[in-house]
Amino acid sequence: EHSAHYYFKHTYYAENDLIPFLAILDLMTEEKKSLSQLLKEL
C-alpha cells in the first residue's frame, strides 16, 4: 500500500515488519546499487 504496509503469502498473507527490511537490503546487495539508484531506474 502507498501508506507503507506490506503483506506476504509467506507470512499467511498478512503484514510483516522484517521482510521489507531484509528484501531491500538483499536487492541492494545483488544489484550493487544504492536505494536512490534503484528508485531512479523505475
ModelCIF file with pLDDT and N, C-alpha, C, O atoms, coordinates in Angstrom:
data_MODEL
#
_entry.id   MODEL 
#
_entity.id                         1 
_entity.type                       polymer 
_entity.pdbx_number_of_molecules   1 
#
_entity_poly.entity_id                      1 
_entity_poly.type                           'polypeptide(L)' 
_entity_poly.nstd_linkage                   no 
_entity_poly.nstd_monomer                   no 
_entity_poly.pdbx_seq_one_letter_code       EHSAHYYFKHTYYAENDLIPFLAILDLMTEEKKSLSQLLKEL 
_entity_poly.pdbx_seq_one_letter_code_can   EHSAHYYFKHTYYAENDLIPFLAILDLMTEEKKSLSQLLKEL 
_entity_poly.pdbx_strand_id                 A 
#
loop_
_entity_poly_seq.entity_id 
_entity_poly_seq.num 
_entity_poly_seq.mon_id 
_entity_poly_seq.hetero 
1 1  GLU n 
1 2  HIS n 
1 3  SER n 
1 4  ALA n 
1 5  HIS n 
1 6  TYR n 
1 7  TYR n 
1 8  PHE n 
1 9  LYS n 
1 10 HIS n 
1 11 THR n 
1 12 TYR n 
1 13 TYR n 
1 14 ALA n 
1 15 GLU n 
1 16 ASN n 
1 17 ASP n 
1 18 LEU n 
1 19 ILE n 
1 20 PRO n 
1 21 PHE n 
1 22 LEU n 
1 23 ALA n 
1 24 ILE n 
1 25 LEU n 
1 26 ASP n 
1 27 LEU n 
1 28 MET n 
1 29 THR n 
1 30 GLU n 
1 31 GLU n 
1 32 LYS n 
1 33 LYS n 
1 34 SER n 
1 35 LEU n 
1 36 SER n 
1 37 GLN n 
1 38 LEU n 
1 39 LEU n 
1 40 LYS n 
1 41 GLU n 
1 42 LEU n 
#
_struct_asym.id          A 
_struct_asym.entity_id   1 
#
loop_
_ma_qa_metric.id 
_ma_qa_metric.mode 
_ma_qa_metric.name 
_ma_qa_metric.software_group_id 
_ma_qa_metric.type 
1 global pLDDT . pLDDT 
2 local  pLDDT . pLDDT 
#
_ma_qa_metric_global.metric_id      1 
_ma_qa_metric_global.metric_value   97.43 
_ma_qa_metric_global.model_id       1 
_ma_qa_metric_global.ordinal_id     1 
#
loop_
_ma_qa_metric_local.label_asym_id 
_ma_qa_metric_local.label_comp_id 
_ma_qa_metric_local.label_seq_id 
_ma_qa_metric_local.metric_id 
_ma_qa_metric_local.metric_value 
_ma_qa_metric_local.model_id 
_ma_qa_metric_local.ordinal_id 
A GLU 1  2 97.00 1 1  
A HIS 2  2 95.00 1 2  
A SER 3  2 93.00 1 3  
A ALA 4  2 96.00 1 4  
A HIS 5  2 97.00 1 5  
A TYR 6  2 98.00 1 6  
A TYR 7  2 98.00 1 7  
A PHE 8  2 98.00 1 8  
A LYS 9  2 98.00 1 9  
A HIS 10 2 98.00 1 10 
A THR 11 2 97.00 1 11 
A TYR 12 2 97.00 1 12 
A TYR 13 2 97.00 1 13 
A ALA 14 2 96.00 1 14 
A GLU 15 2 96.00 1 15 
A ASN 16 2 97.00 1 16 
A ASP 17 2 96.00 1 17 
A LEU 18 2 98.00 1 18 
A ILE 19 2 98.00 1 19 
A PRO 20 2 98.00 1 20 
A PHE 21 2 98.00 1 21 
A LEU 22 2 98.00 1 22 
A ALA 23 2 98.00 1 23 
A ILE 24 2 98.00 1 24 
A LEU 25 2 98.00 1 25 
A ASP 26 2 98.00 1 26 
A LEU 27 2 98.00 1 27 
A MET 28 2 98.00 1 28 
A THR 29 2 98.00 1 29 
A GLU 30 2 98.00 1 30 
A GLU 31 2 98.00 1 31 
A LYS 32 2 98.00 1 32 
A LYS 33 2 98.00 1 33 
A SER 34 2 98.00 1 34 
A LEU 35 2 98.00 1 35 
A SER 36 2 98.00 1 36 
A GLN 37 2 98.00 1 37 
A LEU 38 2 98.00 1 38 
A LEU 39 2 98.00 1 39 
A LYS 40 2 97.00 1 40 
A GLU 41 2 98.00 1 41 
A LEU 42 2 97.00 1 42 
#
loop_
_atom_site.group_PDB 
_atom_site.id 
_atom_site.type_symbol 
_atom_site.label_atom_id 
_atom_site.label_alt_id 
_atom_site.label_comp_id 
_atom_site.label_asym_id 
_atom_site.label_entity_id 
_atom_site.label_seq_id 
_atom_site.pdbx_PDB_ins_code 
_atom_site.Cartn_x 
_atom_site.Cartn_y 
_atom_site.Cartn_z 
_atom_site.occupancy 
_atom_site.B_iso_or_equiv 
_atom_site.pdbx_formal_charge 
_atom_site.auth_seq_id 
_atom_site.auth_comp_id 
_atom_site.auth_asym_id 
_atom_site.auth_atom_id 
_atom_site.pdbx_PDB_model_num 
ATOM 1   N N  . GLU A 1 1  ? 0.836  -1.186  0.000   1.00 97.00 ? 1  GLU A N  1 
ATOM 2   C CA . GLU A 1 1  ? 0.000  0.000   0.000   1.00 97.00 ? 1  GLU A CA 1 
ATOM 3   C C  . GLU A 1 1  ? 0.878  1.246   0.000   1.00 97.00 ? 1  GLU A C  1 
ATOM 4   O O  . GLU A 1 1  ? 2.020  1.211   0.457   1.00 97.00 ? 1  GLU A O  1 
ATOM 5   N N  . HIS A 1 2  ? 0.336  2.345   -0.516  1.00 95.00 ? 2  HIS A N  1 
ATOM 6   C CA . HIS A 1 2  ? 1.108  3.580   -0.564  1.00 95.00 ? 2  HIS A CA 1 
ATOM 7   C C  . HIS A 1 2  ? 1.444  4.089   0.832   1.00 95.00 ? 2  HIS A C  1 
ATOM 8   O O  . HIS A 1 2  ? 2.352  4.904   0.995   1.00 95.00 ? 2  HIS A O  1 
ATOM 9   N N  . SER A 1 3  ? 0.712  3.609   1.848   1.00 93.00 ? 3  SER A N  1 
ATOM 10  C CA . SER A 1 3  ? 0.934  4.002   3.233   1.00 93.00 ? 3  SER A CA 1 
ATOM 11  C C  . SER A 1 3  ? 2.030  3.193   3.922   1.00 93.00 ? 3  SER A C  1 
ATOM 12  O O  . SER A 1 3  ? 2.233  3.328   5.128   1.00 93.00 ? 3  SER A O  1 
ATOM 13  N N  . ALA A 1 4  ? 2.743  2.347   3.158   1.00 96.00 ? 4  ALA A N  1 
ATOM 14  C CA . ALA A 1 4  ? 3.907  1.601   3.657   1.00 96.00 ? 4  ALA A CA 1 
ATOM 15  C C  . ALA A 1 4  ? 3.542  0.392   4.516   1.00 96.00 ? 4  ALA A C  1 
ATOM 16  O O  . ALA A 1 4  ? 4.243  0.071   5.476   1.00 96.00 ? 4  ALA A O  1 
ATOM 17  N N  . HIS A 1 5  ? 2.447  -0.271  4.168   1.00 97.00 ? 5  HIS A N  1 
ATOM 18  C CA . HIS A 1 5  ? 2.127  -1.589  4.703   1.00 97.00 ? 5  HIS A CA 1 
ATOM 19  C C  . HIS A 1 5  ? 2.429  -2.610  3.605   1.00 97.00 ? 5  HIS A C  1 
ATOM 20  O O  . HIS A 1 5  ? 2.066  -2.410  2.446   1.00 97.00 ? 5  HIS A O  1 
ATOM 21  N N  . TYR A 1 6  ? 3.094  -3.705  3.979   1.00 98.00 ? 6  TYR A N  1 
ATOM 22  C CA . TYR A 1 6  ? 3.476  -4.734  3.006   1.00 98.00 ? 6  TYR A CA 1 
ATOM 23  C C  . TYR A 1 6  ? 3.065  -6.104  3.541   1.00 98.00 ? 6  TYR A C  1 
ATOM 24  O O  . TYR A 1 6  ? 3.281  -6.420  4.711   1.00 98.00 ? 6  TYR A O  1 
ATOM 25  N N  . TYR A 1 7  ? 2.470  -6.907  2.664   1.00 98.00 ? 7  TYR A N  1 
ATOM 26  C CA . TYR A 1 7  ? 1.853  -8.186  3.030   1.00 98.00 ? 7  TYR A CA 1 
ATOM 27  C C  . TYR A 1 7  ? 2.486  -9.297  2.199   1.00 98.00 ? 7  TYR A C  1 
ATOM 28  O O  . TYR A 1 7  ? 2.845  -9.081  1.041   1.00 98.00 ? 7  TYR A O  1 
ATOM 29  N N  . PHE A 1 8  ? 2.623  -10.490 2.788   1.00 98.00 ? 8  PHE A N  1 
ATOM 30  C CA . PHE A 1 8  ? 3.334  -11.563 2.111   1.00 98.00 ? 8  PHE A CA 1 
ATOM 31  C C  . PHE A 1 8  ? 2.619  -12.905 2.302   1.00 98.00 ? 8  PHE A C  1 
ATOM 32  O O  . PHE A 1 8  ? 2.150  -13.233 3.392   1.00 98.00 ? 8  PHE A O  1 
ATOM 33  N N  . LYS A 1 9  ? 2.553  -13.655 1.227   1.00 98.00 ? 9  LYS A N  1 
ATOM 34  C CA . LYS A 1 9  ? 1.999  -15.007 1.308   1.00 98.00 ? 9  LYS A CA 1 
ATOM 35  C C  . LYS A 1 9  ? 2.788  -15.842 2.309   1.00 98.00 ? 9  LYS A C  1 
ATOM 36  O O  . LYS A 1 9  ? 2.222  -16.675 3.018   1.00 98.00 ? 9  LYS A O  1 
ATOM 37  N N  . HIS A 1 10 ? 4.102  -15.613 2.360   1.00 98.00 ? 10 HIS A N  1 
ATOM 38  C CA . HIS A 1 10 ? 4.967  -16.375 3.265   1.00 98.00 ? 10 HIS A CA 1 
ATOM 39  C C  . HIS A 1 10 ? 4.559  -16.196 4.724   1.00 98.00 ? 10 HIS A C  1 
ATOM 40  O O  . HIS A 1 10 ? 4.759  -17.095 5.540   1.00 98.00 ? 10 HIS A O  1 
ATOM 41  N N  . THR A 1 11 ? 3.992  -15.047 5.052   1.00 97.00 ? 11 THR A N  1 
ATOM 42  C CA . THR A 1 11 ? 3.548  -14.802 6.421   1.00 97.00 ? 11 THR A CA 1 
ATOM 43  C C  . THR A 1 11 ? 2.023  -14.776 6.479   1.00 97.00 ? 11 THR A C  1 
ATOM 44  O O  . THR A 1 11 ? 1.419  -13.903 7.103   1.00 97.00 ? 11 THR A O  1 
ATOM 45  N N  . TYR A 1 12 ? 1.422  -15.754 5.815   1.00 97.00 ? 12 TYR A N  1 
ATOM 46  C CA . TYR A 1 12 ? -0.012 -16.017 5.901   1.00 97.00 ? 12 TYR A CA 1 
ATOM 47  C C  . TYR A 1 12 ? -0.830 -14.834 5.379   1.00 97.00 ? 12 TYR A C  1 
ATOM 48  O O  . TYR A 1 12 ? -1.877 -14.494 5.929   1.00 97.00 ? 12 TYR A O  1 
ATOM 49  N N  . TYR A 1 13 ? -0.333 -14.218 4.311   1.00 97.00 ? 13 TYR A N  1 
ATOM 50  C CA . TYR A 1 13 ? -0.990 -13.110 3.609   1.00 97.00 ? 13 TYR A CA 1 
ATOM 51  C C  . TYR A 1 13 ? -1.103 -11.839 4.462   1.00 97.00 ? 13 TYR A C  1 
ATOM 52  O O  . TYR A 1 13 ? -1.842 -10.920 4.106   1.00 97.00 ? 13 TYR A O  1 
ATOM 53  N N  . ALA A 1 14 ? -0.392 -11.784 5.556   1.00 96.00 ? 14 ALA A N  1 
ATOM 54  C CA . ALA A 1 14 ? -0.502 -10.651 6.478   1.00 96.00 ? 14 ALA A CA 1 
ATOM 55  C C  . ALA A 1 14 ? 0.722  -9.744  6.388   1.00 96.00 ? 14 ALA A C  1 
ATOM 56  O O  . ALA A 1 14 ? 1.717  -10.079 5.745   1.00 96.00 ? 14 ALA A O  1 
ATOM 57  N N  . GLU A 1 15 ? 0.625  -8.577  7.052   1.00 96.00 ? 15 GLU A N  1 
ATOM 58  C CA . GLU A 1 15 ? 1.744  -7.645  7.095   1.00 96.00 ? 15 GLU A CA 1 
ATOM 59  C C  . GLU A 1 15 ? 2.958  -8.285  7.759   1.00 96.00 ? 15 GLU A C  1 
ATOM 60  O O  . GLU A 1 15 ? 2.855  -9.204  8.572   1.00 96.00 ? 15 GLU A O  1 
ATOM 61  N N  . ASN A 1 16 ? 4.106  -7.754  7.372   1.00 97.00 ? 16 ASN A N  1 
ATOM 62  C CA . ASN A 1 16 ? 5.338  -8.189  8.019   1.00 97.00 ? 16 ASN A CA 1 
ATOM 63  C C  . ASN A 1 16 ? 6.249  -7.001  8.235   1.00 97.00 ? 16 ASN A C  1 
ATOM 64  O O  . ASN A 1 16 ? 6.300  -6.086  7.413   1.00 97.00 ? 16 ASN A O  1 
ATOM 65  N N  . ASP A 1 17 ? 6.969  -7.019  9.346   1.00 96.00 ? 17 ASP A N  1 
ATOM 66  C CA . ASP A 1 17 ? 7.833  -5.903  9.704   1.00 96.00 ? 17 ASP A CA 1 
ATOM 67  C C  . ASP A 1 17 ? 9.302  -6.129  9.369   1.00 96.00 ? 17 ASP A C  1 
ATOM 68  O O  . ASP A 1 17 ? 10.086 -5.180  9.362   1.00 96.00 ? 17 ASP A O  1 
ATOM 69  N N  . LEU A 1 18 ? 9.690  -7.383  9.090   1.00 98.00 ? 18 LEU A N  1 
ATOM 70  C CA . LEU A 1 18 ? 11.093 -7.704  8.802   1.00 98.00 ? 18 LEU A CA 1 
ATOM 71  C C  . LEU A 1 18 ? 11.375 -7.967  7.332   1.00 98.00 ? 18 LEU A C  1 
ATOM 72  O O  . LEU A 1 18 ? 12.430 -7.576  6.834   1.00 98.00 ? 18 LEU A O  1 
ATOM 73  N N  . ILE A 1 19 ? 10.463 -8.617  6.626   1.00 98.00 ? 19 ILE A N  1 
ATOM 74  C CA . ILE A 1 19 ? 10.710 -8.977  5.233   1.00 98.00 ? 19 ILE A CA 1 
ATOM 75  C C  . ILE A 1 19 ? 10.994 -7.751  4.368   1.00 98.00 ? 19 ILE A C  1 
ATOM 76  O O  . ILE A 1 19 ? 11.937 -7.796  3.579   1.00 98.00 ? 19 ILE A O  1 
ATOM 77  N N  . PRO A 1 20 ? 10.234 -6.658  4.470   1.00 98.00 ? 20 PRO A N  1 
ATOM 78  C CA . PRO A 1 20 ? 10.571 -5.491  3.649   1.00 98.00 ? 20 PRO A CA 1 
ATOM 79  C C  . PRO A 1 20 ? 11.965 -4.944  3.937   1.00 98.00 ? 20 PRO A C  1 
ATOM 80  O O  . PRO A 1 20 ? 12.665 -4.511  3.022   1.00 98.00 ? 20 PRO A O  1 
ATOM 81  N N  . PHE A 1 21 ? 12.359 -4.962  5.182   1.00 98.00 ? 21 PHE A N  1 
ATOM 82  C CA . PHE A 1 21 ? 13.678 -4.500  5.598   1.00 98.00 ? 21 PHE A CA 1 
ATOM 83  C C  . PHE A 1 21 ? 14.777 -5.357  4.974   1.00 98.00 ? 21 PHE A C  1 
ATOM 84  O O  . PHE A 1 21 ? 15.720 -4.830  4.385   1.00 98.00 ? 21 PHE A O  1 
ATOM 85  N N  . LEU A 1 22 ? 14.656 -6.666  5.103   1.00 98.00 ? 22 LEU A N  1 
ATOM 86  C CA . LEU A 1 22 ? 15.679 -7.570  4.566   1.00 98.00 ? 22 LEU A CA 1 
ATOM 87  C C  . LEU A 1 22 ? 15.667 -7.605  3.045   1.00 98.00 ? 22 LEU A C  1 
ATOM 88  O O  . LEU A 1 22 ? 16.723 -7.691  2.419   1.00 98.00 ? 22 LEU A O  1 
ATOM 89  N N  . ALA A 1 23 ? 14.479 -7.539  2.445   1.00 98.00 ? 23 ALA A N  1 
ATOM 90  C CA . ALA A 1 23 ? 14.379 -7.654  0.986   1.00 98.00 ? 23 ALA A CA 1 
ATOM 91  C C  . ALA A 1 23 ? 15.071 -6.495  0.285   1.00 98.00 ? 23 ALA A C  1 
ATOM 92  O O  . ALA A 1 23 ? 15.762 -6.705  -0.713  1.00 98.00 ? 23 ALA A O  1 
ATOM 93  N N  . ILE A 1 24 ? 14.899 -5.267  0.790   1.00 98.00 ? 24 ILE A N  1 
ATOM 94  C CA . ILE A 1 24 ? 15.532 -4.140  0.101   1.00 98.00 ? 24 ILE A CA 1 
ATOM 95  C C  . ILE A 1 24 ? 17.047 -4.186  0.277   1.00 98.00 ? 24 ILE A C  1 
ATOM 96  O O  . ILE A 1 24 ? 17.781 -3.806  -0.634  1.00 98.00 ? 24 ILE A O  1 
ATOM 97  N N  . LEU A 1 25 ? 17.524 -4.643  1.428   1.00 98.00 ? 25 LEU A N  1 
ATOM 98  C CA . LEU A 1 25 ? 18.969 -4.796  1.611   1.00 98.00 ? 25 LEU A CA 1 
ATOM 99  C C  . LEU A 1 25 ? 19.524 -5.881  0.693   1.00 98.00 ? 25 LEU A C  1 
ATOM 100 O O  . LEU A 1 25 ? 20.621 -5.743  0.151   1.00 98.00 ? 25 LEU A O  1 
ATOM 101 N N  . ASP A 1 26 ? 18.760 -6.963  0.520   1.00 98.00 ? 26 ASP A N  1 
ATOM 102 C CA . ASP A 1 26 ? 19.195 -8.038  -0.367  1.00 98.00 ? 26 ASP A CA 1 
ATOM 103 C C  . ASP A 1 26 ? 19.229 -7.569  -1.819  1.00 98.00 ? 26 ASP A C  1 
ATOM 104 O O  . ASP A 1 26 ? 20.145 -7.917  -2.564  1.00 98.00 ? 26 ASP A O  1 
ATOM 105 N N  . LEU A 1 27 ? 18.232 -6.778  -2.224  1.00 98.00 ? 27 LEU A N  1 
ATOM 106 C CA . LEU A 1 27 ? 18.216 -6.246  -3.584  1.00 98.00 ? 27 LEU A CA 1 
ATOM 107 C C  . LEU A 1 27 ? 19.382 -5.282  -3.807  1.00 98.00 ? 27 LEU A C  1 
ATOM 108 O O  . LEU A 1 27 ? 20.026 -5.328  -4.855  1.00 98.00 ? 27 LEU A O  1 
ATOM 109 N N  . MET A 1 28 ? 19.654 -4.427  -2.854  1.00 98.00 ? 28 MET A N  1 
ATOM 110 C CA . MET A 1 28 ? 20.804 -3.514  -2.956  1.00 98.00 ? 28 MET A CA 1 
ATOM 111 C C  . MET A 1 28 ? 22.112 -4.292  -3.054  1.00 98.00 ? 28 MET A C  1 
ATOM 112 O O  . MET A 1 28 ? 23.031 -3.890  -3.768  1.00 98.00 ? 28 MET A O  1 
ATOM 113 N N  . THR A 1 29 ? 22.189 -5.403  -2.334  1.00 98.00 ? 29 THR A N  1 
ATOM 114 C CA . THR A 1 29 ? 23.392 -6.247  -2.373  1.00 98.00 ? 29 THR A CA 1 
ATOM 115 C C  . THR A 1 29 ? 23.553 -6.897  -3.741  1.00 98.00 ? 29 THR A C  1 
ATOM 116 O O  . THR A 1 29 ? 24.634 -6.863  -4.328  1.00 98.00 ? 29 THR A O  1 
ATOM 117 N N  . GLU A 1 30 ? 22.475 -7.488  -4.246  1.00 98.00 ? 30 GLU A N  1 
ATOM 118 C CA . GLU A 1 30 ? 22.511 -8.165  -5.544  1.00 98.00 ? 30 GLU A CA 1 
ATOM 119 C C  . GLU A 1 30 ? 22.883 -7.219  -6.679  1.00 98.00 ? 30 GLU A C  1 
ATOM 120 O O  . GLU A 1 30 ? 23.713 -7.536  -7.531  1.00 98.00 ? 30 GLU A O  1 
ATOM 121 N N  . GLU A 1 31 ? 22.257 -6.063  -6.669  1.00 98.00 ? 31 GLU A N  1 
ATOM 122 C CA . GLU A 1 31 ? 22.431 -5.118  -7.769  1.00 98.00 ? 31 GLU A CA 1 
ATOM 123 C C  . GLU A 1 31 ? 23.664 -4.231  -7.597  1.00 98.00 ? 31 GLU A C  1 
ATOM 124 O O  . GLU A 1 31 ? 24.100 -3.553  -8.528  1.00 98.00 ? 31 GLU A O  1 
ATOM 125 N N  . LYS A 1 32 ? 24.219 -4.257  -6.365  1.00 98.00 ? 32 LYS A N  1 
ATOM 126 C CA . LYS A 1 32 ? 25.362 -3.374  -6.046  1.00 98.00 ? 32 LYS A CA 1 
ATOM 127 C C  . LYS A 1 32 ? 25.002 -1.910  -6.324  1.00 98.00 ? 32 LYS A C  1 
ATOM 128 O O  . LYS A 1 32 ? 25.778 -1.153  -6.906  1.00 98.00 ? 32 LYS A O  1 
ATOM 129 N N  . LYS A 1 33 ? 23.803 -1.549  -5.887  1.00 98.00 ? 33 LYS A N  1 
ATOM 130 C CA . LYS A 1 33 ? 23.289 -0.194  -6.106  1.00 98.00 ? 33 LYS A CA 1 
ATOM 131 C C  . LYS A 1 33 ? 22.671 0.334   -4.821  1.00 98.00 ? 33 LYS A C  1 
ATOM 132 O O  . LYS A 1 33 ? 22.177 -0.423  -3.986  1.00 98.00 ? 33 LYS A O  1 
ATOM 133 N N  . SER A 1 34 ? 22.712 1.654   -4.689  1.00 98.00 ? 34 SER A N  1 
ATOM 134 C CA . SER A 1 34 ? 22.050 2.295   -3.561  1.00 98.00 ? 34 SER A CA 1 
ATOM 135 C C  . SER A 1 34 ? 20.546 2.315   -3.792  1.00 98.00 ? 34 SER A C  1 
ATOM 136 O O  . SER A 1 34 ? 20.071 2.048   -4.896  1.00 98.00 ? 34 SER A O  1 
ATOM 137 N N  . LEU A 1 35 ? 19.802 2.634   -2.734  1.00 98.00 ? 35 LEU A N  1 
ATOM 138 C CA . LEU A 1 35 ? 18.351 2.716   -2.884  1.00 98.00 ? 35 LEU A CA 1 
ATOM 139 C C  . LEU A 1 35 ? 17.976 3.836   -3.848  1.00 98.00 ? 35 LEU A C  1 
ATOM 140 O O  . LEU A 1 35 ? 17.052 3.671   -4.644  1.00 98.00 ? 35 LEU A O  1 
ATOM 141 N N  . SER A 1 36 ? 18.663 4.955   -3.796  1.00 98.00 ? 36 SER A N  1 
ATOM 142 C CA . SER A 1 36 ? 18.333 6.052   -4.715  1.00 98.00 ? 36 SER A CA 1 
ATOM 143 C C  . SER A 1 36 ? 18.589 5.660   -6.170  1.00 98.00 ? 36 SER A C  1 
ATOM 144 O O  . SER A 1 36 ? 17.851 6.086   -7.057  1.00 98.00 ? 36 SER A O  1 
ATOM 145 N N  . GLN A 1 37 ? 19.605 4.869   -6.424  1.00 98.00 ? 37 GLN A N  1 
ATOM 146 C CA . GLN A 1 37 ? 19.859 4.397   -7.795  1.00 98.00 ? 37 GLN A CA 1 
ATOM 147 C C  . GLN A 1 37 ? 18.769 3.445   -8.261  1.00 98.00 ? 37 GLN A C  1 
ATOM 148 O O  . GLN A 1 37 ? 18.317 3.533   -9.403  1.00 98.00 ? 37 GLN A O  1 
ATOM 149 N N  . LEU A 1 38 ? 18.345 2.546   -7.398  1.00 98.00 ? 38 LEU A N  1 
ATOM 150 C CA . LEU A 1 38 ? 17.268 1.620   -7.749  1.00 98.00 ? 38 LEU A CA 1 
ATOM 151 C C  . LEU A 1 38 ? 15.970 2.381   -8.043  1.00 98.00 ? 38 LEU A C  1 
ATOM 152 O O  . LEU A 1 38 ? 15.238 2.033   -8.970  1.00 98.00 ? 38 LEU A O  1 
ATOM 153 N N  . LEU A 1 39 ? 15.695 3.403   -7.262  1.00 98.00 ? 39 LEU A N  1 
ATOM 154 C CA . LEU A 1 39 ? 14.493 4.201   -7.495  1.00 98.00 ? 39 LEU A CA 1 
ATOM 155 C C  . LEU A 1 39 ? 14.565 4.937   -8.823  1.00 98.00 ? 39 LEU A C  1 
ATOM 156 O O  . LEU A 1 39 ? 13.564 5.035   -9.533  1.00 98.00 ? 39 LEU A O  1 
ATOM 157 N N  . LYS A 1 40 ? 15.728 5.449   -9.162  1.00 97.00 ? 40 LYS A N  1 
ATOM 158 C CA . LYS A 1 40 ? 15.886 6.177   -10.429 1.00 97.00 ? 40 LYS A CA 1 
ATOM 159 C C  . LYS A 1 40 ? 15.597 5.278   -11.619 1.00 97.00 ? 40 LYS A C  1 
ATOM 160 O O  . LYS A 1 40 ? 15.069 5.735   -12.632 1.00 97.00 ? 40 LYS A O  1 
ATOM 161 N N  . GLU A 1 41 ? 15.940 4.004   -11.500 1.00 98.00 ? 41 GLU A N  1 
ATOM 162 C CA . GLU A 1 41 ? 15.721 3.065   -12.598 1.00 98.00 ? 41 GLU A CA 1 
ATOM 163 C C  . GLU A 1 41 ? 14.239 2.768   -12.827 1.00 98.00 ? 41 GLU A C  1 
ATOM 164 O O  . GLU A 1 41 ? 13.870 2.233   -13.873 1.00 98.00 ? 41 GLU A O  1 
ATOM 165 N N  . LEU A 1 42 ? 13.391 3.110   -11.860 1.00 97.00 ? 42 LEU A N  1 
ATOM 166 C CA . LEU A 1 42 ? 11.952 2.883   -12.049 1.00 97.00 ? 42 LEU A CA 1 
ATOM 167 C C  . LEU A 1 42 ? 11.355 3.801   -13.105 1.00 97.00 ? 42 LEU A C  1 
ATOM 168 O O  . LEU A 1 42 ? 10.157 3.731   -13.377 1.00 97.00 ? 42 LEU A O  1 
#
